[in-house]
Amino acid sequence: METSHKDYNTGSEEMQVPFRIDPEFEKEIPKIKEEEYNQLYDNILEAGEVYEPLVVWDGVLVDGHNRWKIILKLREKGIVIKYRTREVHFNNDHAAKAWMWKQQRGRRNLTDKQRDYAIGKQLAEEKLAYGGDRKSRSKTDLEPQGKTAQKIADENGIGYGSVFRAEQFAKGVDALREVSPEAADKVLNEEVSVSKTDVRELTTAEPEIIEAFAQAVNEGKKPERKPRKPKTEEEKRDMDEIEAIMRDMRDPTTTPEFTIDFLIEDIELNGQTYVELLANTIADRKNLVTDENKPLIVAAINKVVDEILKVRDSM
């Protein structure tokens, strides 16, 4: 992939910049913490040069954005900083972005959520890299049967399913970023207590739920989990009926004397209700029920089955 190295410095009157900054690539780089930035600044100032080459593809900077900002900032103060560039080649912009996210995984002091985000973004871009080019920006997904996911899983020493969950987590963070970049950064920096499951659910959440989630995060609060809104009138009636039954069950004045027949009926009705809800949830997201995702869905259902069996076996 590497083609050449070139050495530069910022001491000339008319500094020749051998690349351009593409906003589309720059926004891919996660914002680093202030203390990390300050440490990098001090290291570059003390050394008088940037040891790690800035990576360039097709005239665009793809790795080294924070280092470049520091180089320019020091130049404004009249301080000459030497740096190198390294030319690389990618087949398309998605392949370039996938490589960028792979490099991000190698950063020190990453939070658990930052690492998951990088893994998820890498998977998404590598799948897209199988189709399209820089000019067409094609979104054709030709990733063959999870081979890319397995490769990334092997690289990180994690399970195959964990890679797909990381991709859904990254999509949830991106949905949050559309509403509030600040909230997205707080989640990734783990400045608030937010579960990955809650973030993944943002991929299918209504806009008002995402906005409430962002507001809670920005206020330093743990977001409340919001129930999914019913998609049809029939589903709304079913959910209202279930809620009414639950209210009656909590109200001792409306609860009849319990017998074994009531217990059996409750168990069967509750089981039927949750099976129907599960079936409806899967049906509502049938676009995600692909051959690639089926093992993950089956594994999730098996977890529920295992919990039910634990209840049975504990009697």
Protein backbone atom coordinates (compact mmCIF):
# COMPACT_ATOMS: atom_id res chain seq x y z
CA MET A 1 0.00 0.00 0.00
CA GLU A 2 2.83 2.44 0.77
CA THR A 3 4.33 4.15 -2.30
CA SER A 4 6.73 6.87 -1.14
CA HIS A 5 7.98 9.13 1.66
CA LYS A 6 8.60 12.86 1.35
CA ASP A 7 10.12 15.23 3.92
CA TYR A 8 8.83 18.75 4.55
CA ASN A 9 9.12 21.55 7.07
CA THR A 10 7.12 24.66 7.88
CA GLY A 11 10.02 27.09 7.75
CA SER A 12 9.66 28.39 4.21
CA GLU A 13 7.94 31.71 3.57
CA GLU A 14 5.51 30.11 1.12
CA MET A 15 4.83 26.78 2.74
CA GLN A 16 4.01 24.13 0.16
CA VAL A 17 1.28 21.85 1.49
CA PRO A 18 1.41 18.52 -0.36
CA PHE A 19 -2.20 17.60 0.35
CA ARG A 20 -5.64 19.02 0.98
CA ILE A 21 -8.08 18.56 3.86
CA ASP A 22 -11.31 16.88 2.82
CA PRO A 23 -14.12 17.63 5.35
CA GLU A 24 -15.66 14.24 4.59
CA PHE A 25 -12.52 12.53 5.89
CA GLU A 26 -11.79 15.02 8.65
CA LYS A 27 -15.17 14.43 10.29
CA GLU A 28 -14.38 10.71 10.49
CA ILE A 29 -11.73 11.42 13.10
CA PRO A 30 -13.10 11.26 16.67
CA LYS A 31 -12.43 14.29 18.83
CA ILE A 32 -9.60 13.50 21.23
CA LYS A 33 -9.66 14.56 24.86
CA GLU A 34 -8.10 17.88 25.77
CA GLU A 35 -5.35 16.25 27.85
CA GLU A 36 -4.45 13.97 24.91
CA TYR A 37 -4.25 16.94 22.56
CA ASN A 38 -2.10 18.92 25.01
CA GLN A 39 0.28 15.99 25.45
CA LEU A 40 0.61 15.60 21.67
CA TYR A 41 1.23 19.35 21.35
CA ASP A 42 3.98 19.26 23.98
CA ASN A 43 5.62 16.22 22.40
CA ILE A 44 5.75 17.83 18.95
CA LEU A 45 6.99 21.15 20.35
CA GLU A 46 9.78 19.44 22.31
CA ALA A 47 10.89 17.25 19.39
CA GLY A 48 10.65 19.98 16.75
CA GLU A 49 9.26 17.46 14.33
CA VAL A 50 6.51 14.92 13.84
CA TYR A 51 8.02 11.45 13.82
CA GLU A 52 4.94 9.61 12.52
CA PRO A 53 4.32 10.38 8.82
CA LEU A 54 1.11 12.09 7.75
CA VAL A 55 -0.66 9.65 5.46
CA VAL A 56 -1.95 10.94 2.11
CA TRP A 57 -4.11 9.26 -0.51
CA ASP A 58 -4.92 10.82 -3.87
CA GLY A 59 -3.88 14.25 -2.60
CA VAL A 60 -6.06 14.01 0.53
CA LEU A 61 -4.89 13.71 4.14
CA VAL A 62 -6.31 10.49 5.61
CA ASP A 63 -4.29 10.16 8.82
CA GLY A 64 -2.66 12.84 10.96
CA HIS A 65 -5.31 15.57 11.19
CA ASN A 66 -4.57 16.43 14.83
CA ARG A 67 -0.83 16.48 14.18
CA TRP A 68 -1.36 18.78 11.20
CA LYS A 69 -3.44 21.21 13.25
CA ILE A 70 -0.62 21.41 15.80
CA ILE A 71 1.96 21.94 13.04
CA LEU A 72 -0.02 24.91 11.73
CA LYS A 73 -0.63 26.31 15.21
CA LEU A 74 3.10 26.24 16.02
CA ARG A 75 3.94 27.77 12.64
CA GLU A 76 1.73 30.75 13.53
CA LYS A 77 4.07 31.26 16.49
CA GLY A 78 7.11 31.14 14.20
CA ILE A 79 8.13 27.65 15.26
CA VAL A 80 9.41 25.39 12.45
CA ILE A 81 8.20 21.82 12.61
CA LYS A 82 9.56 19.10 10.34
CA TYR A 83 7.18 16.43 9.12
CA ARG A 84 6.94 13.67 6.54
CA THR A 85 4.16 12.39 4.34
CA ARG A 86 3.54 8.85 3.23
CA GLU A 87 1.63 8.16 0.02
CA VAL A 88 -0.78 5.23 0.09
CA HIS A 89 -3.29 3.78 -2.35
CA PHE A 90 -6.88 2.63 -1.81
CA ASN A 91 -9.44 1.40 -4.30
CA ASN A 92 -12.13 3.85 -3.14
CA ASP A 93 -13.05 6.24 -0.35
CA HIS A 94 -14.77 3.53 1.71
CA ALA A 95 -11.57 1.48 1.74
CA ALA A 96 -9.70 4.61 2.86
CA LYS A 97 -12.16 5.26 5.68
CA ALA A 98 -12.02 1.62 6.79
CA TRP A 99 -8.24 1.94 7.03
CA MET A 100 -8.61 5.17 9.00
CA TRP A 101 -10.86 3.48 11.55
CA LYS A 102 -8.48 0.55 11.83
CA GLN A 103 -5.74 3.03 12.73
CA GLN A 104 -8.00 4.61 15.34
CA ARG A 105 -8.28 1.24 17.09
CA GLY A 106 -4.55 1.40 17.73
CA ARG A 107 -4.77 4.64 19.72
CA ARG A 108 -3.78 4.48 23.35
CA ASN A 109 -6.25 5.11 26.16
CA LEU A 110 -9.35 4.35 24.10
CA THR A 111 -12.52 3.85 26.12
CA ASP A 112 -14.45 0.63 25.63
CA LYS A 113 -17.13 2.53 23.70
CA GLN A 114 -14.57 4.32 21.50
CA ARG A 115 -13.09 0.96 20.58
CA ASP A 116 -16.50 -0.51 19.75
CA TYR A 117 -17.32 2.57 17.69
CA ALA A 118 -14.09 2.23 15.68
CA ILE A 119 -14.74 -1.48 15.07
CA GLY A 120 -18.30 -0.78 13.98
CA LYS A 121 -17.28 2.01 11.63
CA GLN A 122 -14.53 -0.12 10.13
CA LEU A 123 -16.97 -2.95 9.40
CA ALA A 124 -19.50 -0.59 7.81
CA GLU A 125 -16.89 1.00 5.54
CA GLU A 126 -15.20 -2.27 4.60
CA LYS A 127 -18.54 -3.72 3.50
CA LEU A 128 -19.18 -0.64 1.36
CA ALA A 129 -15.64 -0.78 -0.01
CA TYR A 130 -16.63 -3.77 -2.14
CA GLY A 131 -18.61 -1.47 -4.44
CA GLY A 132 -18.34 2.05 -5.83
CA ASP A 133 -15.53 4.57 -6.12
CA ARG A 134 -14.76 8.12 -5.03
CA LYS A 135 -16.81 9.70 -7.81
CA SER A 136 -19.90 7.51 -7.74
CA ARG A 137 -20.11 7.29 -3.91
CA SER A 138 -21.97 4.03 -4.51
CA LYS A 139 -23.60 2.46 -1.44
CA THR A 140 -23.66 -1.00 -2.99
CA ASP A 141 -22.98 -3.57 -0.30
CA LEU A 142 -21.21 -6.59 -1.72
CA GLU A 143 -19.55 -7.82 1.45
CA PRO A 144 -19.52 -11.63 1.09
CA GLN A 145 -21.28 -13.57 3.87
CA GLY A 146 -19.62 -12.01 6.86
CA LYS A 147 -16.02 -12.73 5.87
CA THR A 148 -15.05 -9.15 6.63
CA ALA A 149 -16.74 -9.32 10.04
CA GLN A 150 -14.88 -12.53 10.86
CA LYS A 151 -11.57 -10.94 9.78
CA ILE A 152 -12.18 -7.94 12.06
CA ALA A 153 -13.25 -10.26 14.88
CA ASP A 154 -9.99 -12.22 14.52
CA GLU A 155 -7.94 -9.00 14.45
CA ASN A 156 -9.47 -7.89 17.74
CA GLY A 157 -9.73 -11.23 19.49
CA ILE A 158 -13.50 -10.93 19.89
CA GLY A 159 -16.54 -12.90 18.78
CA TYR A 160 -18.15 -12.65 15.37
CA GLY A 161 -21.39 -11.35 16.91
CA SER A 162 -19.54 -8.66 18.83
CA VAL A 163 -18.45 -7.06 15.56
CA PHE A 164 -22.02 -6.74 14.34
CA ARG A 165 -23.14 -5.35 17.69
CA ALA A 166 -20.33 -2.81 17.41
CA GLU A 167 -21.65 -1.81 13.98
CA GLN A 168 -25.15 -1.24 15.41
CA PHE A 169 -23.61 0.70 18.31
CA ALA A 170 -21.74 2.93 15.84
CA LYS A 171 -24.97 3.57 13.93
CA GLY A 172 -26.67 4.53 17.20
CA VAL A 173 -23.87 6.96 18.04
CA ASP A 174 -24.13 8.47 14.55
CA ALA A 175 -27.90 8.89 14.98
CA LEU A 176 -27.20 10.70 18.24
CA ARG A 177 -24.50 12.82 16.59
CA GLU A 178 -27.03 14.08 14.05
CA VAL A 179 -28.94 15.61 16.97
CA SER A 180 -26.03 16.56 19.24
CA PRO A 181 -22.32 16.04 18.45
CA GLU A 182 -21.57 16.98 22.06
CA ALA A 183 -23.77 14.18 23.41
CA ALA A 184 -22.20 11.66 21.03
CA ASP A 185 -18.70 12.61 22.22
CA LYS A 186 -19.78 12.33 25.88
CA VAL A 187 -21.09 8.81 25.25
CA LEU A 188 -17.87 7.73 23.52
CA ASN A 189 -15.71 9.34 26.22
CA GLU A 190 -17.87 7.58 28.85
CA GLU A 191 -18.61 10.83 30.64
CA VAL A 192 -22.12 9.55 31.37
CA SER A 193 -23.47 6.13 32.32
CA VAL A 194 -25.11 4.83 29.15
CA SER A 195 -25.39 1.19 28.14
CA LYS A 196 -24.40 0.05 24.67
CA THR A 197 -27.83 -1.57 24.33
CA ASP A 198 -29.52 1.80 24.85
CA VAL A 199 -27.29 3.36 22.19
CA ARG A 200 -27.95 0.55 19.71
CA GLU A 201 -31.70 1.09 20.13
CA LEU A 202 -31.30 4.65 18.83
CA THR A 203 -30.92 3.23 15.31
CA THR A 204 -34.69 2.62 15.18
CA ALA A 205 -35.87 5.24 17.69
CA GLU A 206 -38.21 8.12 16.88
CA PRO A 207 -36.58 11.58 16.56
CA GLU A 208 -38.12 12.84 19.81
CA ILE A 209 -36.64 9.89 21.71
CA ILE A 210 -33.17 10.59 20.31
CA GLU A 211 -33.53 14.28 21.23
CA ALA A 212 -34.56 13.38 24.80
CA PHE A 213 -31.62 10.96 24.98
CA ALA A 214 -29.21 13.70 23.85
CA GLN A 215 -30.64 16.21 26.33
CA ALA A 216 -30.21 13.79 29.23
CA VAL A 217 -26.62 13.02 28.23
CA ASN A 218 -25.73 16.72 27.92
CA GLU A 219 -27.21 17.33 31.37
CA GLY A 220 -25.07 14.53 32.81
CA LYS A 221 -28.05 12.30 33.48
CA LYS A 222 -28.65 8.68 32.60
CA PRO A 223 -31.21 8.62 29.76
CA GLU A 224 -34.49 6.92 30.53
CA ARG A 225 -35.38 4.00 28.34
CA LYS A 226 -38.43 4.87 26.29
CA PRO A 227 -40.87 2.19 25.14
CA ARG A 228 -41.12 1.76 21.39
CA LYS A 229 -44.20 3.41 19.94
CA PRO A 230 -46.76 1.07 18.35
CA LYS A 231 -46.66 1.07 14.57
CA THR A 232 -50.32 0.15 13.97
CA GLU A 233 -53.67 0.74 15.67
CA GLU A 234 -53.93 -2.98 16.40
CA GLU A 235 -50.54 -3.00 18.10
CA LYS A 236 -51.54 0.09 20.10
CA ARG A 237 -54.70 -1.65 21.33
CA ASP A 238 -52.70 -4.73 22.31
CA MET A 239 -50.16 -2.65 24.24
CA ASP A 240 -52.92 -0.65 25.96
CA GLU A 241 -54.62 -3.89 26.96
CA ILE A 242 -51.39 -5.28 28.38
CA GLU A 243 -50.81 -2.06 30.34
CA ALA A 244 -54.36 -2.22 31.75
CA ILE A 245 -53.83 -5.80 32.84
CA MET A 246 -50.53 -4.86 34.50
CA ARG A 247 -52.22 -2.00 36.37
CA ASP A 248 -54.93 -4.33 37.62
CA MET A 249 -52.33 -6.82 38.77
CA ARG A 250 -50.61 -4.09 40.81
CA ASP A 251 -53.90 -2.97 42.38
CA PRO A 252 -54.82 -5.29 45.31
CA THR A 253 -58.47 -4.11 45.27
CA THR A 254 -59.01 -5.56 41.80
CA THR A 255 -57.06 -8.77 42.31
CA PRO A 256 -59.24 -11.86 42.89
CA GLU A 257 -58.22 -14.71 45.12
CA PHE A 258 -55.44 -16.51 43.33
CA THR A 259 -55.77 -20.24 42.56
CA ILE A 260 -53.64 -22.72 40.63
CA ASP A 261 -55.95 -22.22 37.65
CA PHE A 262 -55.24 -18.48 37.71
CA LEU A 263 -51.51 -19.17 37.93
CA ILE A 264 -51.56 -21.53 34.96
CA GLU A 265 -53.65 -19.10 32.94
CA ASP A 266 -51.32 -16.20 33.81
CA ILE A 267 -48.25 -18.17 32.81
CA GLU A 268 -49.80 -19.15 29.48
CA LEU A 269 -51.12 -15.65 28.75
CA ASN A 270 -47.84 -13.95 29.69
CA GLY A 271 -45.92 -16.42 27.57
CA GLN A 272 -48.22 -15.90 24.62
CA THR A 273 -48.03 -12.11 25.01
CA TYR A 274 -44.24 -12.02 25.02
CA VAL A 275 -43.99 -14.46 22.12
CA GLU A 276 -46.31 -12.22 20.09
CA LEU A 277 -44.32 -9.10 21.05
CA LEU A 278 -41.10 -10.83 20.06
CA ALA A 279 -42.58 -11.95 16.75
CA ASN A 280 -43.89 -8.44 16.06
CA THR A 281 -40.52 -6.90 16.90
CA ILE A 282 -38.78 -9.19 14.42
CA ALA A 283 -41.47 -8.59 11.79
CA ASP A 284 -41.12 -4.81 12.20
CA ARG A 285 -37.39 -5.13 11.49
CA LYS A 286 -37.59 -7.81 8.82
CA ASN A 287 -35.09 -5.86 6.69
CA LEU A 288 -32.46 -6.85 9.27
CA VAL A 289 -33.35 -10.56 9.16
CA THR A 290 -30.72 -11.50 6.62
CA ASP A 291 -28.75 -14.72 6.31
CA GLU A 292 -25.82 -12.84 7.80
CA ASN A 293 -27.79 -11.63 10.83
CA LYS A 294 -29.87 -14.75 11.52
CA PRO A 295 -27.22 -16.40 13.75
CA LEU A 296 -27.19 -13.26 15.93
CA ILE A 297 -30.99 -13.16 16.14
CA VAL A 298 -31.19 -16.87 16.99
CA ALA A 299 -28.52 -16.41 19.68
CA ALA A 300 -30.53 -13.56 21.24
CA ILE A 301 -33.72 -15.67 21.25
CA ASN A 302 -31.81 -18.59 22.78
CA LYS A 303 -30.74 -16.31 25.64
CA VAL A 304 -34.39 -15.61 26.37
CA VAL A 305 -35.19 -19.32 26.20
CA ASP A 306 -32.34 -20.05 28.60
CA GLU A 307 -33.72 -17.54 31.11
CA ILE A 308 -37.15 -19.16 30.89
CA LEU A 309 -35.60 -22.59 31.48
CA LYS A 310 -33.81 -21.20 34.54
CA VAL A 311 -37.16 -20.13 35.97
CA ARG A 312 -38.58 -23.61 35.31
CA ASP A 313 -35.59 -25.39 36.80
CA SER A 314 -35.53 -23.18 39.92
CA MET A 315 -38.93 -24.47 41.11
